[in-house]
PDB file of all heavy atoms in Angstrom:
ATOM      1  N   LEU A   1       0.827  -1.206   0.000  1.00  0.00           N
ATOM      2  CA  LEU A   1       0.000   0.000  -0.002  1.00  0.00           C
ATOM      3  C   LEU A   1       0.856   1.250   0.000  1.00  0.00           C
ATOM      4  O   LEU A   1       0.549   2.235  -0.686  1.00  0.00           O
ATOM      5  CB  LEU A   1      -0.929  -0.014   1.212  1.00  0.00           C
ATOM      6  CG  LEU A   1      -2.042  -1.059   1.204  1.00  0.00           C
ATOM      7  CD1 LEU A   1      -2.759  -1.073   2.549  1.00  0.00           C
ATOM      8  CD2 LEU A   1      -3.019  -0.782   0.065  1.00  0.00           C
ATOM      9  N   TRP A   2       1.939   1.226   0.786  1.00  0.00           N
ATOM     10  CA  TRP A   2       2.829   2.386   0.801  1.00  0.00           C
ATOM     11  C   TRP A   2       3.453   2.601  -0.569  1.00  0.00           C
ATOM     12  O   TRP A   2       3.495   3.717  -1.077  1.00  0.00           O
ATOM     13  CB  TRP A   2       3.927   2.201   1.854  1.00  0.00           C
ATOM     14  CG  TRP A   2       4.849   3.361   1.897  1.00  0.00           C
ATOM     15  CD1 TRP A   2       4.652   4.532   2.555  1.00  0.00           C
ATOM     16  CD2 TRP A   2       6.105   3.482   1.226  1.00  0.00           C
ATOM     17  NE1 TRP A   2       5.720   5.386   2.342  1.00  0.00           N
ATOM     18  CE2 TRP A   2       6.617   4.760   1.533  1.00  0.00           C
ATOM     19  CE3 TRP A   2       6.842   2.630   0.401  1.00  0.00           C
ATOM     20  CZ2 TRP A   2       7.837   5.208   1.029  1.00  0.00           C
ATOM     21  CZ3 TRP A   2       8.057   3.071  -0.093  1.00  0.00           C
ATOM     22  CH2 TRP A   2       8.540   4.348   0.223  1.00  0.00           C
ATOM     23  N   GLU A   3       3.946   1.528  -1.172  1.00  0.00           N
ATOM     24  CA  GLU A   3       4.560   1.644  -2.494  1.00  0.00           C
ATOM     25  C   GLU A   3       3.562   2.230  -3.495  1.00  0.00           C
ATOM     26  O   GLU A   3       3.905   3.096  -4.303  1.00  0.00           O
ATOM     27  CB  GLU A   3       5.032   0.265  -2.969  1.00  0.00           C
ATOM     28  CG  GLU A   3       6.252  -0.270  -2.243  1.00  0.00           C
ATOM     29  CD  GLU A   3       7.533   0.389  -2.716  1.00  0.00           C
ATOM     30  OE1 GLU A   3       7.547   0.894  -3.845  1.00  0.00           O
ATOM     31  OE2 GLU A   3       8.510   0.409  -1.956  1.00  0.00           O
ATOM     32  N   ALA A   4       2.320   1.748  -3.453  1.00  0.00           N
ATOM     33  CA  ALA A   4       1.308   2.238  -4.395  1.00  0.00           C
ATOM     34  C   ALA A   4       1.000   3.711  -4.184  1.00  0.00           C
ATOM     35  O   ALA A   4       0.665   4.425  -5.128  1.00  0.00           O
ATOM     36  CB  ALA A   4       0.032   1.406  -4.268  1.00  0.00           C
ATOM     37  N   SER A   5       1.128   4.178  -2.931  1.00  0.00           N
ATOM     38  CA  SER A   5       0.762   5.556  -2.638  1.00  0.00           C
ATOM     39  C   SER A   5       1.857   6.561  -2.971  1.00  0.00           C
ATOM     40  O   SER A   5       1.571   7.742  -3.139  1.00  0.00           O
ATOM     41  CB  SER A   5       0.383   5.692  -1.153  1.00  0.00           C
ATOM     42  OG  SER A   5       1.526   5.546  -0.325  1.00  0.00           O
ATOM     43  N   VAL A   6       3.109   6.116  -3.044  1.00  0.00           N
ATOM     44  CA  VAL A   6       4.196   7.083  -3.218  1.00  0.00           C
ATOM     45  C   VAL A   6       4.999   6.878  -4.494  1.00  0.00           C
ATOM     46  O   VAL A   6       5.839   7.705  -4.818  1.00  0.00           O
ATOM     47  CB  VAL A   6       5.165   7.073  -2.009  1.00  0.00           C
ATOM     48  CG1 VAL A   6       4.443   7.431  -0.732  1.00  0.00           C
ATOM     49  CG2 VAL A   6       5.885   5.734  -1.881  1.00  0.00           C
ATOM     50  N   ARG A   7       4.764   5.807  -5.229  1.00  0.00           N
ATOM     51  CA  ARG A   7       5.570   5.547  -6.423  1.00  0.00           C
ATOM     52  C   ARG A   7       4.735   5.576  -7.694  1.00  0.00           C
ATOM     53  O   ARG A   7       3.567   5.219  -7.704  1.00  0.00           O
ATOM     54  CB  ARG A   7       6.276   4.192  -6.308  1.00  0.00           C
ATOM     55  CG  ARG A   7       7.424   4.184  -5.306  1.00  0.00           C
ATOM     56  CD  ARG A   7       8.261   2.939  -5.461  1.00  0.00           C
ATOM     57  NE  ARG A   7       9.309   2.852  -4.478  1.00  0.00           N
ATOM     58  CZ  ARG A   7      10.524   3.379  -4.625  1.00  0.00           C
ATOM     59  NH1 ARG A   7      10.827   4.033  -5.728  1.00  0.00           N
ATOM     60  NH2 ARG A   7      11.434   3.245  -3.669  1.00  0.00           N
ATOM     61  N   ASP A   8       5.386   5.989  -8.762  1.00  0.00           N
ATOM     62  CA  ASP A   8       4.808   5.926 -10.092  1.00  0.00           C
ATOM     63  C   ASP A   8       4.802   4.469 -10.545  1.00  0.00           C
ATOM     64  O   ASP A   8       5.840   3.803 -10.519  1.00  0.00           O
ATOM     65  CB  ASP A   8       5.642   6.784 -11.047  1.00  0.00           C
ATOM     66  CG  ASP A   8       5.240   6.608 -12.488  1.00  0.00           C
ATOM     67  OD1 ASP A   8       4.047   6.774 -12.795  1.00  0.00           O
ATOM     68  OD2 ASP A   8       6.126   6.294 -13.320  1.00  0.00           O
ATOM     69  N   SER A   9       3.655   3.975 -10.951  1.00  0.00           N
ATOM     70  CA  SER A   9       3.522   2.550 -11.257  1.00  0.00           C
ATOM     71  C   SER A   9       4.317   2.132 -12.488  1.00  0.00           C
ATOM     72  O   SER A   9       4.721   0.972 -12.593  1.00  0.00           O
ATOM     73  CB  SER A   9       2.042   2.189 -11.445  1.00  0.00           C
ATOM     74  OG  SER A   9       1.482   2.937 -12.516  1.00  0.00           O
ATOM     75  N   LEU A  10       4.571   3.044 -13.409  1.00  0.00           N
ATOM     76  CA  LEU A  10       5.290   2.681 -14.632  1.00  0.00           C
ATOM     77  C   LEU A  10       6.792   2.600 -14.404  1.00  0.00           C
ATOM     78  O   LEU A  10       7.432   1.600 -14.726  1.00  0.00           O
ATOM     79  CB  LEU A  10       4.990   3.680 -15.747  1.00  0.00           C
ATOM     80  CG  LEU A  10       5.775   3.464 -17.043  1.00  0.00           C
ATOM     81  CD1 LEU A  10       5.362   2.148 -17.705  1.00  0.00           C
ATOM     82  CD2 LEU A  10       5.580   4.641 -18.013  1.00  0.00           C
ATOM     83  N   THR A  11       7.373   3.658 -13.862  1.00  0.00           N
ATOM     84  CA  THR A  11       8.825   3.777 -13.793  1.00  0.00           C
ATOM     85  C   THR A  11       9.426   3.346 -12.461  1.00  0.00           C
ATOM     86  O   THR A  11      10.629   3.107 -12.376  1.00  0.00           O
ATOM     87  CB  THR A  11       9.246   5.236 -14.056  1.00  0.00           C
ATOM     88  OG1 THR A  11       8.725   6.061 -12.996  1.00  0.00           O
ATOM     89  CG2 THR A  11       8.712   5.722 -15.395  1.00  0.00           C
ATOM     90  N   GLY A  12       8.615   3.277 -11.418  1.00  0.00           N
ATOM     91  CA  GLY A  12       9.142   2.981 -10.096  1.00  0.00           C
ATOM     92  C   GLY A  12       9.708   4.193  -9.384  1.00  0.00           C
ATOM     93  O   GLY A  12      10.121   4.102  -8.224  1.00  0.00           O
ATOM     94  N   ALA A  13       9.736   5.358 -10.042  1.00  0.00           N
ATOM     95  CA  ALA A  13      10.182   6.580  -9.386  1.00  0.00           C
ATOM     96  C   ALA A  13       9.114   7.035  -8.386  1.00  0.00           C
ATOM     97  O   ALA A  13       7.945   6.683  -8.505  1.00  0.00           O
ATOM     98  CB  ALA A  13      10.420   7.682 -10.427  1.00  0.00           C
ATOM     99  N   PHE A  14       9.539   7.822  -7.396  1.00  0.00           N
ATOM    100  CA  PHE A  14       8.570   8.382  -6.467  1.00  0.00           C
ATOM    101  C   PHE A  14       7.668   9.379  -7.198  1.00  0.00           C
ATOM    102  O   PHE A  14       8.010   9.875  -8.277  1.00  0.00           O
ATOM    103  CB  PHE A  14       9.282   9.060  -5.302  1.00  0.00           C
ATOM    104  CG  PHE A  14       9.907   8.103  -4.338  1.00  0.00           C
ATOM    105  CD1 PHE A  14      11.265   7.859  -4.355  1.00  0.00           C
ATOM    106  CD2 PHE A  14       9.124   7.419  -3.413  1.00  0.00           C
ATOM    107  CE1 PHE A  14      11.844   6.958  -3.479  1.00  0.00           C
ATOM    108  CE2 PHE A  14       9.686   6.519  -2.526  1.00  0.00           C
ATOM    109  CZ  PHE A  14      11.055   6.283  -2.561  1.00  0.00           C
ATOM    110  N   ASN A  15       6.507   9.677  -6.607  1.00  0.00           N
ATOM    111  CA  ASN A  15       5.594  10.596  -7.266  1.00  0.00           C
ATOM    112  C   ASN A  15       5.841  12.048  -6.825  1.00  0.00           C
ATOM    113  O   ASN A  15       6.679  12.321  -5.969  1.00  0.00           O
ATOM    114  CB  ASN A  15       4.131  10.186  -7.056  1.00  0.00           C
ATOM    115  CG  ASN A  15       3.742  10.135  -5.587  1.00  0.00           C
ATOM    116  OD1 ASN A  15       4.275  10.868  -4.749  1.00  0.00           O
ATOM    117  ND2 ASN A  15       2.777   9.288  -5.262  1.00  0.00           N
ATOM    118  N   ARG A  16       5.100  12.943  -7.410  1.00  0.00           N
ATOM    119  CA  ARG A  16       5.295  14.371  -7.182  1.00  0.00           C
ATOM    120  C   ARG A  16       5.001  14.766  -5.732  1.00  0.00           C
ATOM    121  O   ARG A  16       5.695  15.605  -5.159  1.00  0.00           O
ATOM    122  CB  ARG A  16       4.398  15.148  -8.147  1.00  0.00           C
ATOM    123  CG  ARG A  16       4.543  16.640  -8.109  1.00  0.00           C
ATOM    124  CD  ARG A  16       3.797  17.231  -9.289  1.00  0.00           C
ATOM    125  NE  ARG A  16       3.835  18.671  -9.307  1.00  0.00           N
ATOM    126  CZ  ARG A  16       3.489  19.404 -10.362  1.00  0.00           C
ATOM    127  NH1 ARG A  16       3.070  18.806 -11.466  1.00  0.00           N
ATOM    128  NH2 ARG A  16       3.543  20.723 -10.333  1.00  0.00           N
ATOM    129  N   GLU A  17       3.978  14.177  -5.152  1.00  0.00           N
ATOM    130  CA  GLU A  17       3.619  14.505  -3.772  1.00  0.00           C
ATOM    131  C   GLU A  17       4.728  14.091  -2.813  1.00  0.00           C
ATOM    132  O   GLU A  17       5.067  14.815  -1.867  1.00  0.00           O
ATOM    133  CB  GLU A  17       2.301  13.829  -3.389  1.00  0.00           C
ATOM    134  CG  GLU A  17       1.073  14.374  -4.105  1.00  0.00           C
ATOM    135  CD  GLU A  17       0.970  13.908  -5.550  1.00  0.00           C
ATOM    136  OE1 GLU A  17       1.664  12.914  -5.933  1.00  0.00           O
ATOM    137  OE2 GLU A  17       0.214  14.526  -6.321  1.00  0.00           O
ATOM    138  N   TYR A  18       5.302  12.937  -3.062  1.00  0.00           N
ATOM    139  CA  TYR A  18       6.401  12.481  -2.213  1.00  0.00           C
ATOM    140  C   TYR A  18       7.595  13.421  -2.332  1.00  0.00           C
ATOM    141  O   TYR A  18       8.268  13.723  -1.340  1.00  0.00           O
ATOM    142  CB  TYR A  18       6.814  11.065  -2.593  1.00  0.00           C
ATOM    143  CG  TYR A  18       7.924  10.530  -1.726  1.00  0.00           C
ATOM    144  CD1 TYR A  18       7.648   9.875  -0.539  1.00  0.00           C
ATOM    145  CD2 TYR A  18       9.257  10.693  -2.096  1.00  0.00           C
ATOM    146  CE1 TYR A  18       8.659   9.390   0.271  1.00  0.00           C
ATOM    147  CE2 TYR A  18      10.274  10.225  -1.295  1.00  0.00           C
ATOM    148  CZ  TYR A  18       9.966   9.573  -0.112  1.00  0.00           C
ATOM    149  OH  TYR A  18      10.994   9.120   0.683  1.00  0.00           O
ATOM    150  N   LEU A  19       7.882  13.875  -3.536  1.00  0.00           N
ATOM    151  CA  LEU A  19       8.998  14.804  -3.740  1.00  0.00           C
ATOM    152  C   LEU A  19       8.836  16.046  -2.881  1.00  0.00           C
ATOM    153  O   LEU A  19       9.792  16.495  -2.229  1.00  0.00           O
ATOM    154  CB  LEU A  19       9.092  15.205  -5.220  1.00  0.00           C
ATOM    155  CG  LEU A  19      10.090  16.325  -5.532  1.00  0.00           C
ATOM    156  CD1 LEU A  19      11.521  15.849  -5.308  1.00  0.00           C
ATOM    157  CD2 LEU A  19       9.902  16.841  -6.960  1.00  0.00           C
ATOM    158  N   THR A  20       7.642  16.621  -2.868  1.00  0.00           N
ATOM    159  CA  THR A  20       7.415  17.841  -2.090  1.00  0.00           C
ATOM    160  C   THR A  20       7.685  17.594  -0.608  1.00  0.00           C
ATOM    161  O   THR A  20       8.357  18.402   0.051  1.00  0.00           O
ATOM    162  CB  THR A  20       5.975  18.334  -2.282  1.00  0.00           C
ATOM    163  OG1 THR A  20       5.743  18.587  -3.676  1.00  0.00           O
ATOM    164  CG2 THR A  20       5.730  19.606  -1.496  1.00  0.00           C
ATOM    165  N   GLU A  21       7.185  16.477  -0.072  1.00  0.00           N
ATOM    166  CA  GLU A  21       7.427  16.172   1.337  1.00  0.00           C
ATOM    167  C   GLU A  21       8.895  15.912   1.604  1.00  0.00           C
ATOM    168  O   GLU A  21       9.446  16.332   2.624  1.00  0.00           O
ATOM    169  CB  GLU A  21       6.593  14.961   1.752  1.00  0.00           C
ATOM    170  CG  GLU A  21       5.094  15.202   1.751  1.00  0.00           C
ATOM    171  CD  GLU A  21       4.709  16.357   2.655  1.00  0.00           C
ATOM    172  OE1 GLU A  21       5.189  16.397   3.813  1.00  0.00           O
ATOM    173  OE2 GLU A  21       3.943  17.225   2.211  1.00  0.00           O
ATOM    174  N   ARG A  22       9.557  15.231   0.689  1.00  0.00           N
ATOM    175  CA  ARG A  22      10.979  14.940   0.869  1.00  0.00           C
ATOM    176  C   ARG A  22      11.802  16.218   0.852  1.00  0.00           C
ATOM    177  O   ARG A  22      12.749  16.379   1.647  1.00  0.00           O
ATOM    178  CB  ARG A  22      11.443  13.991  -0.229  1.00  0.00           C
ATOM    179  CG  ARG A  22      12.907  13.575  -0.139  1.00  0.00           C
ATOM    180  CD  ARG A  22      13.221  12.861   1.162  1.00  0.00           C
ATOM    181  NE  ARG A  22      14.598  12.420   1.177  1.00  0.00           N
ATOM    182  CZ  ARG A  22      14.960  11.137   1.058  1.00  0.00           C
ATOM    183  NH1 ARG A  22      14.048  10.199   0.931  1.00  0.00           N
ATOM    184  NH2 ARG A  22      16.221  10.798   1.080  1.00  0.00           N
ATOM    185  N   LEU A  23      11.464  17.158  -0.031  1.00  0.00           N
ATOM    186  CA  LEU A  23      12.208  18.407  -0.102  1.00  0.00           C
ATOM    187  C   LEU A  23      12.072  19.213   1.194  1.00  0.00           C
ATOM    188  O   LEU A  23      13.026  19.865   1.631  1.00  0.00           O
ATOM    189  CB  LEU A  23      11.756  19.242  -1.296  1.00  0.00           C
ATOM    190  CG  LEU A  23      12.206  18.718  -2.666  1.00  0.00           C
ATOM    191  CD1 LEU A  23      11.654  19.605  -3.785  1.00  0.00           C
ATOM    192  CD2 LEU A  23      13.728  18.653  -2.759  1.00  0.00           C
ATOM    193  N   LYS A  24      10.897  19.173   1.813  1.00  0.00           N
ATOM    194  CA  LYS A  24      10.740  19.845   3.104  1.00  0.00           C
ATOM    195  C   LYS A  24      11.732  19.284   4.111  1.00  0.00           C
ATOM    196  O   LYS A  24      12.383  20.036   4.853  1.00  0.00           O
ATOM    197  CB  LYS A  24       9.308  19.662   3.624  1.00  0.00           C
ATOM    198  CG  LYS A  24       8.240  20.377   2.829  1.00  0.00           C
ATOM    199  CD  LYS A  24       6.862  20.062   3.408  1.00  0.00           C
ATOM    200  CE  LYS A  24       5.742  20.687   2.572  1.00  0.00           C
ATOM    201  NZ  LYS A  24       4.401  20.305   3.094  1.00  0.00           N
ATOM    202  N   ALA A  25      11.849  17.974   4.139  1.00  0.00           N
ATOM    203  CA  ALA A  25      12.757  17.325   5.082  1.00  0.00           C
ATOM    204  C   ALA A  25      14.211  17.640   4.741  1.00  0.00           C
ATOM    205  O   ALA A  25      15.030  17.889   5.639  1.00  0.00           O
ATOM    206  CB  ALA A  25      12.534  15.816   5.067  1.00  0.00           C
TER     207      ALA A  25
END
């Protein structure tokens, strides 16, 4: 479930929402 929520299903890269949270950190 976590993988499905944060990763792009085609490429395996993280999604845009995850990037924003990661950049804050």
